[in-house]
Amino acid sequence: MFGAGTLAILEGLSPAAGEFLLRLREGVPGSGLEEAAARAALPVPEAEAMLAALSEAGLLIPAGEDRLWHPEAPGAQTWAWRHGLDPDAAAAGWEALPLQLHGPHAGHLAVCLREAGFRPVLPHGIEDGPSDGVTVVTSDFVADAGQLARLTLDDRVHLPVVFTDAGAQVGPLVVPGAVPCTGCGWRHRREADPGWPQTYRQLLNTALPAVDAAVSHLTAALVIAALRRYDADGAASQALLVELPECRPEPFPFDFHPGCDCRGPAPLRQDAGADSVPPPDRSRLAT
């Protein structure tokens, strides 16, 4: 089957033809037909015949040379079609979104994000850089709640990404005043476990020896998905938990805490509840 409207069935497709169809879904300009066919191991005459058949059936979306291909943002075409957006605008938005990465896993995320069309930067300190855009903060075992509280106080949108020996937690993408902050989660955890503050301090200074490859790549994909959604409509993503061995993302409850003032407008966020959340670990601000 091919297309999003009227049902169409293509019979007798070879594996090469099926691969060529997948490449068409990503977007192929007229000048790139031969290259796409070659990558799919499909003879050019067969590729041209397939295009003619698809065009006659009305299954090709008309577009200009540049609309069907954006080498700087692979996947933009498919993603935009599925969300009713202009692919060029989507690709341009990802590239223009101010994006900062911090923490021990920033390097790996930067590679994945660049491949997805974003242009992240890795400033020296978390307090450096512009206040707009999104700041992605990676850490091991626990999020540095005090460090992230500074971002909330400064009204900076941020996405915590925490890796553990059992998996990872991505998000929530915190839009200050609209989405519960990391401090809210810290307080809920303390109420459920009185020994949490001591455990937290121990974990805060513990480095993870290694990250499972499946967790690492899936986490990067979830970060990309959250950033694409935020760039499209400003929507914040929920917290997702990825655990071994299934590596299946599951929603992770994250609610406002009545003792945290992060829900108010920026001028009213005194210390985001600094009385209960440990202060930022200054030794980690430059990671």
Protein backbone atom coordinates (compact mmCIF):
# COMPACT_ATOMS: atom_id res chain seq x y z
CA MET A 1 0.00 0.00 0.00
CA PHE A 2 1.20 3.51 -0.71
CA GLY A 3 -0.28 6.93 -0.09
CA ALA A 4 -2.30 8.69 2.60
CA GLY A 5 -5.63 9.10 0.82
CA THR A 6 -7.27 6.65 -1.56
CA LEU A 7 -6.06 3.10 -1.00
CA ALA A 8 -3.61 1.89 -3.62
CA ILE A 9 -2.04 -1.55 -3.80
CA LEU A 10 1.23 -2.10 -5.62
CA GLU A 11 1.67 -5.77 -6.44
CA GLY A 12 4.78 -7.74 -7.29
CA LEU A 13 7.28 -5.25 -5.89
CA SER A 14 10.85 -6.41 -5.64
CA PRO A 15 12.86 -5.68 -2.48
CA ALA A 16 14.71 -2.98 -4.45
CA ALA A 17 11.41 -1.37 -5.49
CA GLY A 18 10.23 -1.41 -1.89
CA GLU A 19 13.44 0.28 -0.80
CA PHE A 20 12.95 2.90 -3.52
CA LEU A 21 9.44 3.62 -2.22
CA LEU A 22 10.84 4.22 1.25
CA ARG A 23 13.28 6.73 -0.20
CA LEU A 24 10.43 8.47 -2.02
CA ARG A 25 8.65 8.94 1.31
CA GLU A 26 11.68 10.84 2.60
CA GLY A 27 11.66 13.10 -0.45
CA VAL A 28 13.61 12.83 -3.70
CA PRO A 29 14.09 15.72 -6.17
CA GLY A 30 14.02 15.10 -9.88
CA SER A 31 17.77 15.57 -10.09
CA GLY A 32 18.29 12.92 -7.41
CA LEU A 33 16.29 10.15 -9.08
CA GLU A 34 19.28 8.22 -10.39
CA GLU A 35 21.10 8.42 -7.06
CA ALA A 36 18.01 7.24 -5.13
CA ALA A 37 17.52 4.36 -7.56
CA ALA A 38 21.17 3.38 -7.30
CA ARG A 39 21.05 3.40 -3.50
CA ALA A 40 18.01 1.12 -3.66
CA ALA A 41 19.73 -1.13 -6.25
CA LEU A 42 16.83 -0.47 -8.64
CA PRO A 43 17.47 0.06 -12.38
CA VAL A 44 16.66 3.63 -13.42
CA PRO A 45 14.09 2.57 -16.10
CA GLU A 46 12.16 0.65 -13.42
CA ALA A 47 12.33 3.64 -11.09
CA GLU A 48 10.99 5.92 -13.82
CA ALA A 49 8.19 3.46 -14.56
CA MET A 50 7.25 3.39 -10.87
CA LEU A 51 7.16 7.18 -10.72
CA ALA A 52 4.96 7.31 -13.81
CA ALA A 53 2.53 4.79 -12.30
CA LEU A 54 2.41 6.62 -8.98
CA SER A 55 1.91 9.96 -10.72
CA GLU A 56 -0.92 8.57 -12.86
CA ALA A 57 -2.59 7.26 -9.71
CA GLY A 58 -2.29 10.70 -8.11
CA LEU A 59 -0.06 9.46 -5.30
CA LEU A 60 2.83 11.87 -5.75
CA ILE A 61 2.71 15.18 -3.91
CA PRO A 62 3.66 17.98 -6.34
CA ALA A 63 6.49 20.11 -5.06
CA GLY A 64 9.36 22.23 -6.29
CA GLU A 65 12.94 21.09 -6.53
CA ASP A 66 13.84 22.33 -3.07
CA ARG A 67 10.63 21.31 -1.34
CA LEU A 68 11.22 17.59 -1.65
CA TRP A 69 14.76 17.54 -0.38
CA HIS A 70 16.54 19.20 2.48
CA PRO A 71 19.96 17.61 2.93
CA GLU A 72 20.52 19.54 6.15
CA ALA A 73 17.49 17.96 7.83
CA PRO A 74 16.84 14.38 6.72
CA GLY A 75 13.37 13.28 7.72
CA ALA A 76 11.90 16.78 7.59
CA GLN A 77 9.67 15.92 4.64
CA THR A 78 8.04 12.86 6.23
CA TRP A 79 7.72 14.50 9.64
CA ALA A 80 6.14 17.63 8.19
CA TRP A 81 3.63 15.70 6.08
CA ARG A 82 2.47 13.73 9.09
CA HIS A 83 1.95 16.91 11.11
CA GLY A 84 0.42 19.08 8.41
CA LEU A 85 3.39 21.44 8.27
CA ASP A 86 5.55 22.88 5.55
CA PRO A 87 8.72 20.75 5.30
CA ASP A 88 10.99 23.65 4.43
CA ALA A 89 9.67 25.64 7.39
CA ALA A 90 10.15 22.63 9.68
CA ALA A 91 13.74 22.09 8.55
CA ALA A 92 14.53 25.80 8.83
CA GLY A 93 13.00 25.91 12.31
CA TRP A 94 15.12 23.04 13.57
CA GLU A 95 18.27 24.68 12.24
CA ALA A 96 17.39 28.08 13.72
CA LEU A 97 16.29 26.85 17.16
CA PRO A 98 18.87 28.01 19.73
CA LEU A 99 19.95 24.76 21.35
CA GLN A 100 22.51 24.26 24.10
CA LEU A 101 23.77 20.90 25.36
CA HIS A 102 25.43 20.27 28.72
CA GLY A 103 26.62 17.39 30.81
CA PRO A 104 28.53 14.13 30.34
CA HIS A 105 26.45 12.90 27.41
CA ALA A 106 26.23 16.15 25.47
CA GLY A 107 28.74 15.00 22.86
CA HIS A 108 26.75 11.95 21.76
CA LEU A 109 23.51 13.91 21.69
CA ALA A 110 25.15 16.65 19.64
CA VAL A 111 26.09 14.16 16.92
CA CYS A 112 22.54 12.76 16.75
CA LEU A 113 20.94 16.20 16.79
CA ARG A 114 23.16 17.47 13.98
CA GLU A 115 22.22 14.44 11.89
CA ALA A 116 18.56 15.34 12.51
CA GLY A 117 19.01 18.91 11.26
CA PHE A 118 19.56 20.82 14.51
CA ARG A 119 22.56 23.04 15.21
CA PRO A 120 23.39 22.52 18.89
CA VAL A 121 26.22 24.26 20.70
CA LEU A 122 28.16 23.10 23.75
CA PRO A 123 28.99 26.23 25.77
CA HIS A 124 31.50 26.08 28.60
CA GLY A 125 29.00 26.73 31.38
CA ILE A 126 25.28 26.23 31.75
CA GLU A 127 24.86 29.92 32.55
CA ASP A 128 26.49 30.93 29.27
CA GLY A 129 24.57 31.43 26.07
CA PRO A 130 21.23 33.00 25.07
CA SER A 131 18.13 32.82 27.22
CA ASP A 132 15.86 31.76 24.38
CA GLY A 133 15.66 28.36 22.75
CA VAL A 134 16.11 25.12 24.70
CA THR A 135 18.84 23.96 27.06
CA VAL A 136 19.32 20.19 27.21
CA VAL A 137 21.06 19.06 30.40
CA THR A 138 22.36 15.50 30.65
CA SER A 139 23.44 13.82 33.87
CA ASP A 140 24.10 10.45 35.50
CA PHE A 141 21.67 8.81 37.95
CA VAL A 142 19.87 12.02 39.02
CA ALA A 143 19.19 15.47 37.63
CA ASP A 144 20.97 18.28 39.44
CA ALA A 145 17.81 19.89 40.82
CA GLY A 146 19.65 22.92 42.15
CA GLN A 147 21.36 23.50 38.82
CA LEU A 148 18.11 23.21 36.89
CA ALA A 149 16.38 25.50 39.38
CA ARG A 150 18.58 28.31 38.08
CA LEU A 151 17.22 27.75 34.59
CA THR A 152 13.67 27.90 35.93
CA LEU A 153 14.44 31.12 37.79
CA ASP A 154 15.88 32.60 34.59
CA ASP A 155 12.75 31.57 32.68
CA ARG A 156 14.74 29.28 30.36
CA VAL A 157 13.10 26.31 28.68
CA HIS A 158 15.09 23.18 29.44
CA LEU A 159 15.04 19.42 28.97
CA PRO A 160 16.68 17.19 31.60
CA VAL A 161 18.03 13.86 30.36
CA VAL A 162 19.12 11.44 33.08
CA PHE A 163 20.99 8.20 32.34
CA THR A 164 21.12 5.36 34.87
CA ASP A 165 22.41 1.80 34.94
CA ALA A 166 18.81 0.66 34.32
CA GLY A 167 17.89 3.03 31.49
CA ALA A 168 17.16 6.73 31.16
CA GLN A 169 14.57 9.42 31.84
CA VAL A 170 13.88 12.07 29.21
CA GLY A 171 12.01 15.18 30.26
CA PRO A 172 9.74 16.67 30.95
CA LEU A 173 10.58 19.55 28.67
CA VAL A 174 10.20 22.28 31.27
CA VAL A 175 8.51 25.46 30.13
CA PRO A 176 8.81 27.57 33.32
CA GLY A 177 5.42 28.47 34.74
CA ALA A 178 3.59 25.92 32.59
CA VAL A 179 5.31 22.60 33.28
CA PRO A 180 6.43 21.14 36.64
CA CYS A 181 10.14 21.68 37.23
CA THR A 182 12.72 19.17 38.40
CA GLY A 183 12.43 20.62 41.90
CA CYS A 184 8.77 19.54 41.99
CA GLY A 185 9.83 15.97 41.30
CA TRP A 186 12.57 16.23 43.92
CA ARG A 187 10.07 17.31 46.58
CA HIS A 188 7.56 14.58 45.70
CA ARG A 189 10.36 12.02 45.96
CA ARG A 190 11.46 13.37 49.35
CA GLU A 191 7.92 13.06 50.71
CA ALA A 192 7.69 9.47 49.52
CA ASP A 193 11.18 8.60 50.79
CA PRO A 194 12.56 10.58 53.77
CA GLY A 195 16.02 9.20 53.01
CA TRP A 196 15.97 10.60 49.49
CA PRO A 197 18.04 13.77 50.18
CA GLN A 198 20.98 11.70 51.39
CA THR A 199 20.67 9.24 48.51
CA TYR A 200 20.37 12.14 46.10
CA ARG A 201 23.61 13.75 47.28
CA GLN A 202 25.46 10.47 46.88
CA LEU A 203 24.11 9.86 43.38
CA LEU A 204 24.76 13.45 42.33
CA ASN A 205 28.49 12.85 42.53
CA THR A 206 28.44 9.38 40.95
CA ALA A 207 29.44 8.91 37.32
CA LEU A 208 27.93 6.19 35.16
CA PRO A 209 30.66 3.87 33.80
CA ALA A 210 28.87 3.22 30.51
CA VAL A 211 25.50 3.61 28.79
CA ASP A 212 23.80 0.76 26.96
CA ALA A 213 23.83 1.48 23.22
CA ALA A 214 20.09 0.80 22.83
CA VAL A 215 19.27 3.21 25.64
CA SER A 216 21.65 5.82 24.27
CA HIS A 217 20.20 5.87 20.76
CA LEU A 218 16.57 5.62 21.86
CA THR A 219 17.10 8.46 24.30
CA ALA A 220 18.56 10.59 21.52
CA ALA A 221 15.50 9.83 19.38
CA LEU A 222 13.16 10.90 22.20
CA VAL A 223 15.11 14.13 22.65
CA ILE A 224 14.83 14.85 18.92
CA ALA A 225 11.08 14.15 18.98
CA ALA A 226 10.57 16.47 21.96
CA LEU A 227 12.54 19.29 20.31
CA ARG A 228 10.71 18.91 17.00
CA ARG A 229 7.35 19.11 18.72
CA TYR A 230 8.39 22.12 20.77
CA ASP A 231 9.72 23.94 17.70
CA ALA A 232 6.48 23.22 15.82
CA ASP A 233 3.95 24.54 18.34
CA GLY A 234 5.69 25.30 21.61
CA ALA A 235 4.27 22.15 23.17
CA ALA A 236 6.08 20.65 26.12
CA SER A 237 6.68 16.92 26.21
CA GLN A 238 5.90 14.67 29.13
CA ALA A 239 8.54 12.76 31.04
CA LEU A 240 9.37 9.38 29.53
CA LEU A 241 11.16 6.50 31.21
CA VAL A 242 13.25 4.02 29.19
CA GLU A 243 14.25 0.86 31.04
CA LEU A 244 16.27 -2.19 30.14
CA PRO A 245 15.80 -4.75 28.74
CA GLU A 246 12.67 -3.78 26.79
CA CYS A 247 13.74 -0.17 26.09
CA ARG A 248 10.09 0.77 25.63
CA PRO A 249 9.34 4.44 26.50
CA GLU A 250 6.73 4.72 29.24
CA PRO A 251 5.13 7.92 30.61
CA PHE A 252 6.61 9.01 33.92
CA PRO A 253 4.25 10.99 36.21
CA PHE A 254 5.44 14.50 36.92
CA ASP A 255 3.17 16.90 38.82
CA PHE A 256 3.49 20.36 40.34
CA HIS A 257 4.40 20.38 44.01
CA PRO A 258 2.52 22.84 46.25
CA GLY A 259 5.75 23.79 48.00
CA CYS A 260 7.45 24.91 44.79
CA ASP A 261 6.80 28.38 43.36
CA CYS A 262 7.86 27.47 39.82
CA ARG A 263 4.24 27.70 38.67
CA GLY A 264 4.11 31.45 39.12
CA PRO A 265 5.42 34.07 36.70
CA ALA A 266 9.17 34.63 36.62
CA PRO A 267 9.22 37.68 38.96
CA LEU A 268 7.49 35.61 41.68
CA ARG A 269 9.87 32.64 41.51
CA GLN A 270 12.03 33.63 44.44
CA ASP A 271 14.30 30.62 44.79
CA ALA A 272 12.15 27.87 43.29
CA GLY A 273 11.98 26.41 46.79
CA ALA A 274 15.71 26.58 47.48
CA ASP A 275 14.96 25.87 51.13
CA SER A 276 14.50 22.20 50.35
CA VAL A 277 16.40 21.58 47.11
CA PRO A 278 20.19 21.40 47.44
CA PRO A 279 21.95 24.39 45.85
CA PRO A 280 23.57 24.03 42.42
CA ASP A 281 26.79 22.04 42.43
CA ARG A 282 29.16 24.68 41.05
CA SER A 283 31.72 22.04 40.12
CA ARG A 284 29.25 20.66 37.57
CA LEU A 285 28.19 23.94 35.98
CA ALA A 286 31.02 23.89 33.47
CA THR A 287 30.36 20.37 32.18
